[in-house]
C-alpha atoms as a PDB file:
ATOM      1  CA  MET A   1      16.661  47.327-246.265  1.00  0.00           C
ATOM      2  CA  THR A   2      15.681  50.397-243.285  1.00  0.00           C
ATOM      3  CA  PHE A   3      12.336  49.939-241.604  1.00  0.00           C
ATOM      4  CA  SER A   4      11.295  53.354-243.376  1.00  0.00           C
ATOM      5  CA  THR A   5      11.724  51.472-246.483  1.00  0.00           C
ATOM      6  CA  VAL A   6       9.480  48.590-245.899  1.00  0.00           C
ATOM      7  CA  ILE A   7       6.940  51.252-244.570  1.00  0.00           C
ATOM      8  CA  GLN A   8       7.050  53.339-247.802  1.00  0.00           C
ATOM      9  CA  GLN A   9       6.788  50.190-249.568  1.00  0.00           C
ATOM     10  CA  TRP A  10       3.868  48.828-247.757  1.00  0.00           C
ATOM     11  CA  PHE A  11       1.993  51.826-247.987  1.00  0.00           C
ATOM     12  CA  ASP A  12       2.563  52.311-251.720  1.00  0.00           C
ATOM     13  CA  THR A  13       1.116  49.186-252.515  1.00  0.00           C
ATOM     14  CA  GLU A  14      -1.617  49.078-250.190  1.00  0.00           C
ATOM     15  CA  TRP A  15      -1.920  52.526-249.894  1.00  0.00           C
ATOM     16  CA  GLY A  16      -3.345  52.845-246.129  1.00  0.00           C
ATOM     17  CA  GLY A  17      -5.346  49.934-243.635  1.00  0.00           C
ATOM     18  CA  SER A  18      -7.003  49.907-240.262  1.00  0.00           C
ATOM     19  CA  MET A  19      -4.897  50.089-236.830  1.00  0.00           C
ATOM     20  CA  ILE A  20      -4.624  47.570-234.064  1.00  0.00           C
ATOM     21  CA  LEU A  21      -2.673  48.817-230.966  1.00  0.00           C
ATOM     22  CA  PRO A  22      -1.602  46.250-228.528  1.00  0.00           C
ATOM     23  CA  ASP A  23      -4.460  46.702-226.389  1.00  0.00           C
ATOM     24  CA  GLY A  24      -6.894  46.555-229.483  1.00  0.00           C
ATOM     25  CA  TRP A  25      -8.539  48.268-232.412  1.00  0.00           C
ATOM     26  CA  PHE A  26      -8.162  52.042-232.892  1.00  0.00           C
ATOM     27  CA  GLY A  27     -11.817  52.525-233.825  1.00  0.00           C
ATOM     28  CA  ARG A  28     -14.652  50.241-234.969  1.00  0.00           C
ATOM     29  CA  PRO A  29     -12.115  47.339-237.314  1.00  0.00           C
ATOM     30  CA  TYR A  30     -12.172  47.952-240.673  1.00  0.00           C
ATOM     31  CA  ASP A  31     -13.991  51.557-240.502  1.00  0.00           C
ATOM     32  CA  ASN A  32     -10.573  53.759-240.834  1.00  0.00           C
ATOM     33  CA  GLN A  33      -8.350  53.408-243.585  1.00  0.00           C
ATOM     34  CA  HIS A  34      -5.162  55.452-242.277  1.00  0.00           C
ATOM     35  CA  ALA A  35      -2.627  56.730-244.775  1.00  0.00           C
ATOM     36  CA  LEU A  36       0.677  57.647-244.233  1.00  0.00           C
ATOM     37  CA  SER A  37       2.039  61.138-243.663  1.00  0.00           C
ATOM     38  CA  SER A  38       5.378  60.636-242.913  1.00  0.00           C
ATOM     39  CA  VAL A  39       8.313  58.337-241.208  1.00  0.00           C
ATOM     40  CA  THR A  40      11.352  59.150-239.945  1.00  0.00           C
ATOM     41  CA  GLU A  41      13.860  56.598-238.168  1.00  0.00           C
ATOM     42  CA  GLY A  42      17.389  57.121-236.299  1.00  0.00           C
ATOM     43  CA  ASP A  43      19.388  56.294-233.116  1.00  0.00           C
ATOM     44  CA  ASP A  44      17.035  53.272-232.100  1.00  0.00           C
ATOM     45  CA  GLN A  45      13.663  55.375-232.690  1.00  0.00           C
ATOM     46  CA  LEU A  46      11.061  55.583-235.070  1.00  0.00           C
ATOM     47  CA  THR A  47       8.509  58.247-235.765  1.00  0.00           C
ATOM     48  CA  LEU A  48       5.127  56.943-237.583  1.00  0.00           C
ATOM     49  CA  VAL A  49       2.730  59.931-238.878  1.00  0.00           C
ATOM     50  CA  LEU A  50      -0.557  58.809-240.188  1.00  0.00           C
ATOM     51  CA  ASP A  51      -3.550  61.199-241.439  1.00  0.00           C
ATOM     52  CA  GLU A  52      -1.722  64.140-240.077  1.00  0.00           C
ATOM     53  CA  ILE A  53      -2.891  63.358-236.801  1.00  0.00           C
ATOM     54  CA  LEU A  54      -1.904  59.889-235.617  1.00  0.00           C
ATOM     55  CA  ARG A  55       1.696  59.742-234.470  1.00  0.00           C
ATOM     56  CA  LEU A  56       3.294  56.704-232.966  1.00  0.00           C
ATOM     57  CA  HIS A  57       6.609  57.125-231.660  1.00  0.00           C
ATOM     58  CA  PHE A  58       8.371  53.857-231.264  1.00  0.00           C
ATOM     59  CA  GLU A  59      11.993  53.424-229.071  1.00  0.00           C
ATOM     60  CA  GLY A  60      13.659  50.236-229.604  1.00  0.00           C
ATOM     61  CA  LEU A  61      11.729  48.876-232.390  1.00  0.00           C
ATOM     62  CA  LYS A  62      13.315  45.123-233.223  1.00  0.00           C
ATOM     63  CA  SER A  63      11.380  44.707-236.471  1.00  0.00           C
ATOM     64  CA  VAL A  64       8.931  45.744-239.234  1.00  0.00           C
ATOM     65  CA  ARG A  65       7.197  43.377-241.177  1.00  0.00           C
ATOM     66  CA  VAL A  66       4.708  42.522-243.934  1.00  0.00           C
ATOM     67  CA  GLU A  67       2.822  38.883-243.383  1.00  0.00           C
ATOM     68  CA  GLY A  68       0.324  39.012-246.381  1.00  0.00           C
ATOM     69  CA  HIS A  69      -1.297  42.144-246.452  1.00  0.00           C
ATOM     70  CA  ASP A  70      -0.532  43.086-242.969  1.00  0.00           C
ATOM     71  CA  LEU A  71       2.109  45.731-241.483  1.00  0.00           C
ATOM     72  CA  ILE A  72       3.683  44.487-238.277  1.00  0.00           C
ATOM     73  CA  PHE A  73       5.699  46.804-235.674  1.00  0.00           C
ATOM     74  CA  GLY A  74       7.343  45.112-232.933  1.00  0.00           C
ATOM     75  CA  PRO A  75       8.282  43.791-230.425  1.00  0.00           C
ATOM     76  CA  PHE A  76       9.548  47.128-229.192  1.00  0.00           C
ATOM     77  CA  GLU A  77      10.423  48.625-225.794  1.00  0.00           C
ATOM     78  CA  ASN A  78       8.315  51.654-226.115  1.00  0.00           C
ATOM     79  CA  LEU A  79       5.597  53.160-227.971  1.00  0.00           C
ATOM     80  CA  ARG A  80       3.982  56.538-227.394  1.00  0.00           C
ATOM     81  CA  PHE A  81       1.004  56.924-229.088  1.00  0.00           C
ATOM     82  CA  GLU A  82      -0.596  60.610-229.594  1.00  0.00           C
ATOM     83  CA  TRP A  83      -3.922  61.532-231.516  1.00  0.00           C
ATOM     84  CA  THR A  84      -5.895  64.212-231.912  1.00  0.00           C
ATOM     85  CA  PRO A  85      -9.696  63.047-232.984  1.00  0.00           C
ATOM     86  CA  TYR A  86     -11.311  63.582-236.290  1.00  0.00           C
ATOM     87  CA  GLY A  87     -12.798  66.831-236.269  1.00  0.00           C
ATOM     88  CA  GLY A  88     -10.575  68.612-233.647  1.00  0.00           C
ATOM     89  CA  GLY A  89     -10.099  68.204-230.130  1.00  0.00           C
ATOM     90  CA  LYS A  90      -7.619  67.769-226.913  1.00  0.00           C
ATOM     91  CA  LEU A  91      -4.411  65.696-228.028  1.00  0.00           C
ATOM     92  CA  SER A  92      -4.515  62.323-226.377  1.00  0.00           C
ATOM     93  CA  THR A  93      -1.492  59.969-225.458  1.00  0.00           C
ATOM     94  CA  LYS A  94      -1.193  56.520-224.521  1.00  0.00           C
ATOM     95  CA  ASP A  95       2.063  54.100-223.709  1.00  0.00           C
ATOM     96  CA  TYR A  96       2.822  50.828-224.088  1.00  0.00           C
ATOM     97  CA  ARG A  97       5.985  48.626-223.065  1.00  0.00           C
ATOM     98  CA  ASP A  98       5.298  45.831-224.729  1.00  0.00           C
ATOM     99  CA  GLY A  99       3.235  43.955-227.547  1.00  0.00           C
ATOM    100  CA  GLU A 100       3.145  44.917-231.459  1.00  0.00           C
ATOM    101  CA  VAL A 101       0.943  46.957-233.903  1.00  0.00           C
ATOM    102  CA  LYS A 102      -0.735  45.826-236.763  1.00  0.00           C
ATOM    103  CA  ILE A 103      -2.092  47.601-239.708  1.00  0.00           C
ATOM    104  CA  ILE A 104      -4.323  46.042-241.433  1.00  0.00           C
ATOM    105  CA  SER A 105      -5.191  46.510-245.697  1.00  0.00           C
ATOM    106  CA  MET A 106      -8.689  46.125-246.690  1.00  0.00           C
ATOM    107  CA  GLU A 107      -6.822  43.953-249.356  1.00  0.00           C
ATOM    108  CA  ALA A 108      -6.687  41.192-246.499  1.00  0.00           C
ATOM    109  CA  THR A 109     -10.513  41.111-245.976  1.00  0.00           C
ATOM    110  CA  GLY A 110     -11.401  40.961-249.224  1.00  0.00           C
ATOM    111  CA  VAL A 111     -13.631  44.079-249.153  1.00  0.00           C
ATOM    112  CA  ALA A 112     -11.549  46.157-251.369  1.00  0.00           C
ATOM    113  CA  THR A 113     -11.952  43.938-254.257  1.00  0.00           C
ATOM    114  CA  LYS A 114     -15.960  43.360-253.915  1.00  0.00           C
END
């Protein structure tokens, strides 16, 4: 199964989730629920776009896996994260050389079922 297939299936099941980058939460924990806009892969690269404005470009991605209700990316050789703040603003970028990215479904917390 390709990484893209794992990602599409997870988003079909969970709809979306909050994101944890290698250096911590993107935004407040469990506050944002990011939806899949697109995913492309090829030549040892994978690009994930969330909410039309968040772009994660992985190079040398070794694994995409589901653990419980979480979608986990990593390890990887390089990650470039690009985002435009909600409501507009200047494009920002951050590069990572190791770690993993997690997208945490609200199902994992039980909040979505209350």
